[in-house]
Amino acid sequence: MKHFYFDFIFTTIALIVAAWWGYSHGGMSGLISALSITAILAVMEISLSFDNAVVNASVLKHWDKFWKMIFLTVGILIAVFGMRLVFPIVIVAVTADMGMMDVINLALYNPTEYSAKLMAHHAEISAFGGMFLLLVFLNFLFDDKDVHWFGWLERRLAKFGDVDAMSVFVALAILMISLSWVHEEQTLVVLIAGIWGILVYLGVQVVSGMLEGDLEEAEEALEDGEVATKGNSSANVGSAVMKGGIAGFLYLEVLDASFSFDGVIGAFAITNDVIIIMLGLAIGAMFVRSMTIFLVDKGTLDEFIYLEHGAHYAIGALAVIMLLSMKFHVPEIVTGLIGIAFIGWAVLASIRFKKLEQAGKI
């Protein structure tokens, strides 16, 4: 429970603020409504983002304590305030050609109109987030892994990983197909948003690859004695590791952003109150961050061998749902249940595998 102490404190404070906000706008009935909606949004955010926590843990387990702390401090500020509050306001400001303060006033005093303006650009948001998440899933699927969950399928698909840019080709093909689902006047902006989602993913991979190259060169120099002193070599290696941490941090923040789109948009189907939305989603985001650290510290990914697979399949499902939502309404409960179903399935499959392994049948 030590991983979640601060989350419970934060939740208590957030619920107190929600109660005060609801009471000041609607008396006792407003207080009850605000508390219940905040709790619902928190649960929704946790259910939608549990697979995000598992994927985050698969990246974070290789980090040192310093970068884990950065993830839990700066990362939380970006996730809670940046993605759940500031980013939706920026979207409306840019797309509606309004000033930031005008949008903030609109969100606080005319939430219905603010929600309508944000929803009007749902297709572009879905295209960006959908493409980023789809590439996360495809690169995992095409990777030649040591562990296979659906062996008959994954071993065959891993062969496509030998083809350069296969995941990008598939993503672009799906993006082209999805353009037929939107109105003609939206085609260009949706295409641009989808391409930006692909470019952001590739950009993070390029930066990460360059920094990993720096680390390898520094390590080789240390082994071969090509650097003047051992101290300088260690400094170079340390610098490369720190840069690699930055690249990983950027990757996780963009990944979290893609997940948060669905939660933010879905929240407006429950309430138009921006303050309540921010409080509810912030509670969920805090618990997701703590779940990530819990999974790393407890070695859960090693204990449940297929958990990472289940999370990536859930990400693939979410990417498809985001793209489908450009034309069809997909209830948020469906999105959450699909993610939970894949995670639960992966856990049960991992337990079964461990029992068979202990029995000497594998």
Protein backbone atom coordinates (compact mmCIF):
# COMPACT_ATOMS: atom_id res chain seq x y z
CA MET A 1 0.00 0.00 0.00
CA LYS A 2 2.98 2.32 0.43
CA HIS A 3 2.95 2.98 -3.31
CA PHE A 4 -0.54 4.50 -3.04
CA TYR A 5 -0.38 6.55 0.19
CA PHE A 6 0.04 9.86 -1.63
CA ASP A 7 -2.71 8.91 -4.09
CA PHE A 8 -5.22 8.51 -1.26
CA ILE A 9 -4.19 11.87 0.18
CA PHE A 10 -4.51 13.48 -3.26
CA THR A 11 -7.89 11.78 -3.78
CA THR A 12 -9.18 13.13 -0.45
CA ILE A 13 -8.09 16.67 -1.33
CA ALA A 14 -9.54 16.40 -4.85
CA LEU A 15 -12.88 15.15 -3.49
CA ILE A 16 -12.99 18.01 -0.98
CA VAL A 17 -12.38 20.50 -3.79
CA ALA A 18 -15.04 18.76 -5.91
CA ALA A 19 -17.52 18.92 -3.02
CA TRP A 20 -16.84 22.63 -2.49
CA TRP A 21 -17.16 23.33 -6.22
CA GLY A 22 -20.41 21.37 -6.48
CA TYR A 23 -21.90 22.96 -3.34
CA SER A 24 -21.00 26.48 -4.48
CA HIS A 25 -22.81 25.92 -7.79
CA GLY A 26 -25.79 23.78 -6.75
CA GLY A 27 -26.08 23.43 -3.00
CA MET A 28 -26.29 19.99 -1.42
CA SER A 29 -27.54 18.32 -4.60
CA GLY A 30 -24.63 19.87 -6.49
CA LEU A 31 -22.23 18.55 -3.85
CA ILE A 32 -23.53 14.99 -4.15
CA SER A 33 -23.51 15.17 -7.94
CA ALA A 34 -19.95 16.53 -8.04
CA LEU A 35 -18.62 13.83 -5.70
CA SER A 36 -20.30 10.97 -7.58
CA ILE A 37 -19.22 12.20 -11.03
CA THR A 38 -15.64 12.77 -9.83
CA ALA A 39 -15.50 9.21 -8.51
CA ILE A 40 -16.96 7.81 -11.75
CA LEU A 41 -14.42 9.71 -13.85
CA ALA A 42 -11.56 8.49 -11.64
CA VAL A 43 -12.64 4.87 -12.02
CA MET A 44 -13.10 5.34 -15.78
CA GLU A 45 -9.62 6.82 -16.14
CA ILE A 46 -8.03 3.95 -14.19
CA SER A 47 -9.87 1.31 -16.21
CA LEU A 48 -8.97 2.96 -19.52
CA SER A 49 -5.32 3.44 -18.59
CA PHE A 50 -4.37 0.24 -16.76
CA ASP A 51 -2.84 -1.13 -19.95
CA ASN A 52 -0.93 2.14 -20.17
CA ALA A 53 0.54 1.43 -16.71
CA VAL A 54 1.72 -2.01 -17.82
CA VAL A 55 3.43 -0.64 -20.95
CA ASN A 56 4.95 2.21 -18.92
CA ALA A 57 6.31 -0.37 -16.46
CA SER A 58 7.95 -2.35 -19.28
CA VAL A 59 9.92 0.79 -20.19
CA LEU A 60 10.44 2.12 -16.67
CA LYS A 61 11.91 -1.10 -15.25
CA HIS A 62 15.19 -0.33 -17.05
CA TRP A 63 15.51 3.15 -15.51
CA ASP A 64 17.47 4.20 -12.44
CA LYS A 65 15.95 5.81 -9.32
CA PHE A 66 16.58 9.35 -10.58
CA TRP A 67 14.49 8.92 -13.71
CA LYS A 68 11.79 7.05 -11.84
CA MET A 69 11.54 10.07 -9.53
CA ILE A 70 11.35 12.41 -12.52
CA PHE A 71 8.55 10.24 -13.89
CA LEU A 72 6.68 10.53 -10.58
CA THR A 73 7.14 14.30 -10.22
CA VAL A 74 7.51 16.15 -13.51
CA GLY A 75 5.66 13.36 -15.31
CA ILE A 76 2.68 13.65 -12.97
CA LEU A 77 2.51 17.43 -13.44
CA ILE A 78 2.48 16.97 -17.21
CA ALA A 79 -0.07 14.15 -17.06
CA VAL A 80 -2.44 15.74 -14.54
CA PHE A 81 -2.32 19.41 -15.45
CA GLY A 82 -0.82 19.35 -18.92
CA MET A 83 -2.83 16.62 -20.64
CA ARG A 84 -6.04 16.66 -18.56
CA LEU A 85 -6.49 20.45 -18.36
CA VAL A 86 -4.13 22.55 -20.49
CA PHE A 87 -4.04 20.43 -23.66
CA PRO A 88 -7.82 20.41 -24.30
CA ILE A 89 -7.81 24.19 -23.81
CA VAL A 90 -4.93 24.55 -26.29
CA ILE A 91 -6.80 22.42 -28.85
CA VAL A 92 -9.85 24.70 -28.67
CA ALA A 93 -7.71 27.85 -28.72
CA VAL A 94 -5.80 26.78 -31.84
CA THR A 95 -8.66 25.25 -33.80
CA ALA A 96 -11.22 27.93 -32.92
CA ASP A 97 -8.69 30.79 -33.30
CA MET A 98 -9.34 32.06 -29.76
CA GLY A 99 -7.10 33.41 -27.04
CA MET A 100 -6.17 31.14 -24.14
CA MET A 101 -7.96 33.32 -21.57
CA ASP A 102 -11.07 33.40 -23.75
CA VAL A 103 -11.07 29.60 -23.89
CA ILE A 104 -10.54 29.33 -20.12
CA ASN A 105 -13.47 31.67 -19.49
CA LEU A 106 -15.52 29.65 -21.97
CA ALA A 107 -14.63 26.40 -20.18
CA LEU A 108 -15.53 27.81 -16.76
CA TYR A 109 -18.64 29.80 -17.57
CA ASN A 110 -20.02 28.19 -20.73
CA PRO A 111 -18.89 24.54 -20.57
CA THR A 112 -21.54 23.40 -23.05
CA GLU A 113 -20.11 25.55 -25.83
CA TYR A 114 -16.55 24.61 -24.82
CA SER A 115 -17.45 20.92 -24.99
CA ALA A 116 -19.04 21.42 -28.41
CA LYS A 117 -15.92 23.12 -29.76
CA LEU A 118 -13.69 20.34 -28.41
CA MET A 119 -15.98 17.60 -29.76
CA ALA A 120 -15.97 19.27 -33.17
CA HIS A 121 -12.33 18.27 -33.50
CA HIS A 122 -12.72 14.76 -32.16
CA ALA A 123 -11.76 13.23 -35.53
CA GLU A 124 -8.37 14.97 -35.65
CA ILE A 125 -7.61 14.07 -32.03
CA SER A 126 -8.56 10.44 -32.68
CA ALA A 127 -6.44 10.30 -35.83
CA PHE A 128 -3.36 11.61 -34.01
CA GLY A 129 -3.72 9.40 -30.93
CA GLY A 130 -4.90 6.40 -32.94
CA MET A 131 -1.87 6.45 -35.24
CA PHE A 132 0.60 6.81 -32.38
CA LEU A 133 -0.94 3.94 -30.41
CA LEU A 134 -1.27 1.81 -33.54
CA LEU A 135 2.48 2.11 -34.18
CA VAL A 136 3.20 1.15 -30.56
CA PHE A 137 1.13 -1.98 -31.09
CA LEU A 138 2.45 -2.84 -34.57
CA ASN A 139 6.10 -2.52 -33.58
CA PHE A 140 5.47 -4.82 -30.64
CA LEU A 141 3.58 -7.26 -32.87
CA PHE A 142 6.27 -7.35 -35.58
CA ASP A 143 9.12 -7.58 -33.06
CA ASP A 144 10.97 -10.90 -32.86
CA LYS A 145 10.23 -11.61 -29.20
CA ASP A 146 11.59 -14.37 -26.99
CA VAL A 147 8.16 -14.90 -25.43
CA HIS A 148 5.04 -15.44 -27.55
CA TRP A 149 1.50 -15.42 -26.20
CA PHE A 150 -0.33 -16.41 -29.39
CA GLY A 151 2.63 -18.30 -30.81
CA TRP A 152 0.98 -19.43 -34.04
CA LEU A 153 0.17 -15.81 -34.92
CA GLU A 154 3.05 -13.84 -33.41
CA ARG A 155 5.81 -16.01 -34.90
CA ARG A 156 4.38 -15.47 -38.39
CA LEU A 157 3.89 -11.73 -37.92
CA ALA A 158 7.41 -11.38 -36.51
CA LYS A 159 8.72 -12.22 -40.00
CA PHE A 160 7.28 -8.91 -41.24
CA GLY A 161 9.62 -7.17 -38.81
CA ASP A 162 12.49 -7.99 -41.16
CA VAL A 163 10.88 -5.73 -43.79
CA ASP A 164 11.93 -2.09 -43.38
CA ALA A 165 9.14 0.30 -42.36
CA MET A 166 6.49 -2.42 -42.39
CA SER A 167 4.69 -0.98 -39.35
CA VAL A 168 4.66 2.51 -40.90
CA PHE A 169 3.31 1.08 -44.17
CA VAL A 170 0.48 -0.71 -42.36
CA ALA A 171 -0.31 2.39 -40.26
CA LEU A 172 -0.45 4.64 -43.32
CA ALA A 173 -2.65 2.14 -45.17
CA ILE A 174 -5.09 2.07 -42.24
CA LEU A 175 -5.03 5.88 -42.06
CA MET A 176 -5.93 6.10 -45.76
CA ILE A 177 -8.81 3.70 -45.25
CA SER A 178 -10.08 5.61 -42.21
CA LEU A 179 -10.25 8.84 -44.22
CA SER A 180 -13.32 7.44 -45.96
CA TRP A 181 -15.11 7.51 -42.59
CA VAL A 182 -15.02 11.30 -42.17
CA HIS A 183 -16.79 14.10 -43.99
CA GLU A 184 -15.05 15.40 -47.10
CA GLU A 185 -14.32 18.78 -45.52
CA GLN A 186 -12.50 17.02 -42.64
CA THR A 187 -10.35 14.76 -44.82
CA LEU A 188 -7.32 17.05 -45.03
CA VAL A 189 -7.15 17.98 -41.32
CA VAL A 190 -7.64 14.34 -40.28
CA LEU A 191 -4.91 13.22 -42.69
CA ILE A 192 -2.51 15.85 -41.33
CA ALA A 193 -3.34 14.89 -37.73
CA GLY A 194 -2.75 11.20 -38.47
CA ILE A 195 0.57 11.94 -40.18
CA TRP A 196 1.60 14.03 -37.19
CA GLY A 197 0.83 11.07 -34.93
CA ILE A 198 3.16 8.91 -37.06
CA LEU A 199 5.85 11.60 -37.20
CA VAL A 200 5.81 12.10 -33.43
CA TYR A 201 6.22 8.36 -32.86
CA LEU A 202 9.05 8.14 -35.40
CA GLY A 203 10.64 11.29 -33.97
CA VAL A 204 10.83 9.79 -30.50
CA GLN A 205 12.29 6.59 -31.99
CA VAL A 206 14.89 8.58 -33.96
CA VAL A 207 15.97 10.54 -30.89
CA SER A 208 16.09 7.35 -28.82
CA GLY A 209 18.12 5.56 -31.50
CA MET A 210 20.63 8.41 -31.75
CA LEU A 211 21.08 8.53 -27.99
CA GLU A 212 21.45 4.75 -27.74
CA GLY A 213 24.15 5.06 -30.39
CA ASP A 214 25.95 7.61 -28.20
CA LEU A 215 25.77 5.19 -25.28
CA GLU A 216 27.16 2.29 -27.32
CA GLU A 217 30.02 4.44 -28.64
CA ALA A 218 30.88 5.62 -25.14
CA GLU A 219 30.84 2.05 -23.81
CA GLU A 220 33.04 0.83 -26.68
CA ALA A 221 35.44 3.69 -26.08
CA LEU A 222 35.63 2.76 -22.42
CA GLU A 223 36.35 -0.88 -23.24
CA ASP A 224 38.96 -0.06 -25.89
CA GLY A 225 40.66 2.66 -23.88
CA GLU A 226 40.11 5.22 -26.62
CA VAL A 227 39.12 7.99 -24.19
CA ALA A 228 41.85 9.88 -22.38
CA THR A 229 40.89 8.96 -18.83
CA LYS A 230 38.59 6.50 -17.17
CA GLY A 231 36.83 9.38 -15.43
CA ASN A 232 36.05 11.07 -18.75
CA SER A 233 34.79 7.79 -20.18
CA SER A 234 32.49 7.27 -17.24
CA ALA A 235 31.22 10.81 -17.64
CA ASN A 236 30.44 10.17 -21.31
CA VAL A 237 28.60 6.97 -20.47
CA GLY A 238 26.69 8.74 -17.71
CA SER A 239 25.76 11.55 -20.08
CA ALA A 240 24.52 9.07 -22.67
CA VAL A 241 22.45 7.24 -20.07
CA MET A 242 20.90 10.52 -18.95
CA LYS A 243 20.05 11.41 -22.54
CA GLY A 244 18.55 7.99 -23.02
CA GLY A 245 16.40 8.67 -19.94
CA ILE A 246 15.18 11.87 -21.53
CA ALA A 247 14.23 10.01 -24.70
CA GLY A 248 12.37 7.39 -22.71
CA PHE A 249 10.67 10.08 -20.66
CA LEU A 250 9.47 11.82 -23.83
CA TYR A 251 8.18 8.50 -25.18
CA LEU A 252 6.17 7.77 -22.04
CA GLU A 253 4.70 11.29 -21.97
CA VAL A 254 3.55 11.09 -25.59
CA LEU A 255 2.17 7.61 -24.92
CA ASP A 256 0.27 8.94 -21.91
CA ALA A 257 -1.01 11.83 -24.02
CA SER A 258 -2.41 9.43 -26.59
CA PHE A 259 -4.19 7.48 -23.86
CA SER A 260 -5.52 10.64 -22.22
CA PHE A 261 -7.30 11.79 -25.40
CA ASP A 262 -9.83 9.03 -25.00
CA GLY A 263 -10.40 9.79 -21.35
CA VAL A 264 -10.79 13.55 -21.85
CA ILE A 265 -13.19 13.19 -24.77
CA GLY A 266 -15.15 10.46 -22.98
CA ALA A 267 -15.43 12.58 -19.84
CA PHE A 268 -17.53 15.15 -21.69
CA ALA A 269 -20.11 12.45 -22.32
CA ILE A 270 -20.61 12.34 -18.54
CA THR A 271 -20.33 16.03 -17.60
CA ASN A 272 -19.46 19.40 -19.14
CA ASP A 273 -17.93 20.75 -15.92
CA VAL A 274 -14.23 21.23 -16.71
CA ILE A 275 -13.20 21.44 -13.04
CA ILE A 276 -14.92 18.14 -12.17
CA ILE A 277 -13.41 16.51 -15.28
CA MET A 278 -9.91 17.66 -14.33
CA LEU A 279 -10.29 16.45 -10.71
CA GLY A 280 -11.70 13.04 -11.67
CA LEU A 281 -9.14 12.35 -14.39
CA ALA A 282 -6.32 13.67 -12.19
CA ILE A 283 -7.19 11.13 -9.48
CA GLY A 284 -7.10 8.37 -12.10
CA ALA A 285 -3.81 9.61 -13.55
CA MET A 286 -2.19 9.59 -10.09
CA PHE A 287 -3.21 5.98 -9.45
CA VAL A 288 -2.00 4.91 -12.91
CA ARG A 289 1.41 6.46 -12.19
CA SER A 290 1.62 4.63 -8.86
CA MET A 291 0.49 1.36 -10.45
CA THR A 292 3.37 1.73 -12.91
CA ILE A 293 5.93 2.01 -10.09
CA PHE A 294 4.22 -0.83 -8.20
CA LEU A 295 4.50 -3.14 -11.22
CA VAL A 296 8.20 -2.28 -11.55
CA ASP A 297 9.11 -2.63 -7.86
CA LYS A 298 7.22 -5.90 -7.41
CA GLY A 299 8.57 -7.43 -10.62
CA THR A 300 5.02 -8.17 -11.74
CA LEU A 301 6.00 -8.20 -15.42
CA ASP A 302 8.43 -11.02 -14.69
CA GLU A 303 5.90 -12.85 -12.53
CA PHE A 304 3.14 -12.69 -15.17
CA ILE A 305 4.94 -13.47 -18.40
CA TYR A 306 2.11 -12.47 -20.76
CA LEU A 307 1.05 -9.25 -19.00
CA GLU A 308 3.00 -7.00 -21.35
CA HIS A 309 1.49 -8.83 -24.32
CA GLY A 310 -2.02 -8.27 -22.97
CA ALA A 311 -1.34 -4.56 -22.49
CA HIS A 312 -0.11 -4.15 -26.07
CA TYR A 313 -3.12 -6.00 -27.48
CA ALA A 314 -5.30 -3.65 -25.42
CA ILE A 315 -3.40 -0.72 -26.94
CA GLY A 316 -4.04 -2.11 -30.42
CA ALA A 317 -7.74 -2.41 -29.61
CA LEU A 318 -7.81 1.16 -28.28
CA ALA A 319 -6.09 2.45 -31.45
CA VAL A 320 -8.72 0.76 -33.62
CA ILE A 321 -11.53 2.09 -31.42
CA MET A 322 -10.15 5.65 -31.65
CA LEU A 323 -10.10 5.42 -35.44
CA LEU A 324 -13.58 3.89 -35.57
CA SER A 325 -14.86 6.67 -33.29
CA MET A 326 -14.31 9.13 -36.12
CA LYS A 327 -17.51 7.71 -37.63
CA PHE A 328 -19.16 5.54 -34.97
CA HIS A 329 -19.95 6.26 -31.35
CA VAL A 330 -18.16 3.76 -29.14
CA PRO A 331 -19.25 3.89 -25.46
CA GLU A 332 -16.37 4.48 -23.06
CA ILE A 333 -17.37 1.43 -21.03
CA VAL A 334 -16.65 -0.74 -24.09
CA THR A 335 -13.16 0.72 -24.38
CA GLY A 336 -12.47 0.16 -20.70
CA LEU A 337 -13.84 -3.38 -20.67
CA ILE A 338 -11.77 -4.42 -23.70
CA GLY A 339 -8.60 -3.24 -21.99
CA ILE A 340 -9.49 -4.99 -18.74
CA ALA A 341 -10.42 -8.16 -20.65
CA PHE A 342 -7.02 -8.38 -22.37
CA ILE A 343 -5.18 -7.71 -19.10
CA GLY A 344 -7.24 -10.30 -17.23
CA TRP A 345 -6.80 -12.85 -20.01
CA ALA A 346 -3.03 -12.27 -19.98
CA VAL A 347 -2.87 -12.73 -16.20
CA LEU A 348 -4.81 -16.02 -16.34
CA ALA A 349 -2.65 -17.26 -19.22
CA SER A 350 0.50 -16.35 -17.25
CA ILE A 351 -0.71 -18.27 -14.19
CA ARG A 352 -1.48 -21.30 -16.33
CA PHE A 353 1.96 -21.09 -17.98
CA LYS A 354 3.68 -20.94 -14.58
CA LYS A 355 1.78 -24.00 -13.34
CA LEU A 356 2.70 -25.98 -16.45
CA GLU A 357 6.33 -24.84 -16.11
CA GLN A 358 6.49 -25.95 -12.47
CA ALA A 359 4.95 -29.28 -13.44
CA GLY A 360 7.70 -29.74 -16.02
CA LYS A 361 5.27 -29.80 -18.92
CA ILE A 362 6.95 -26.86 -20.71
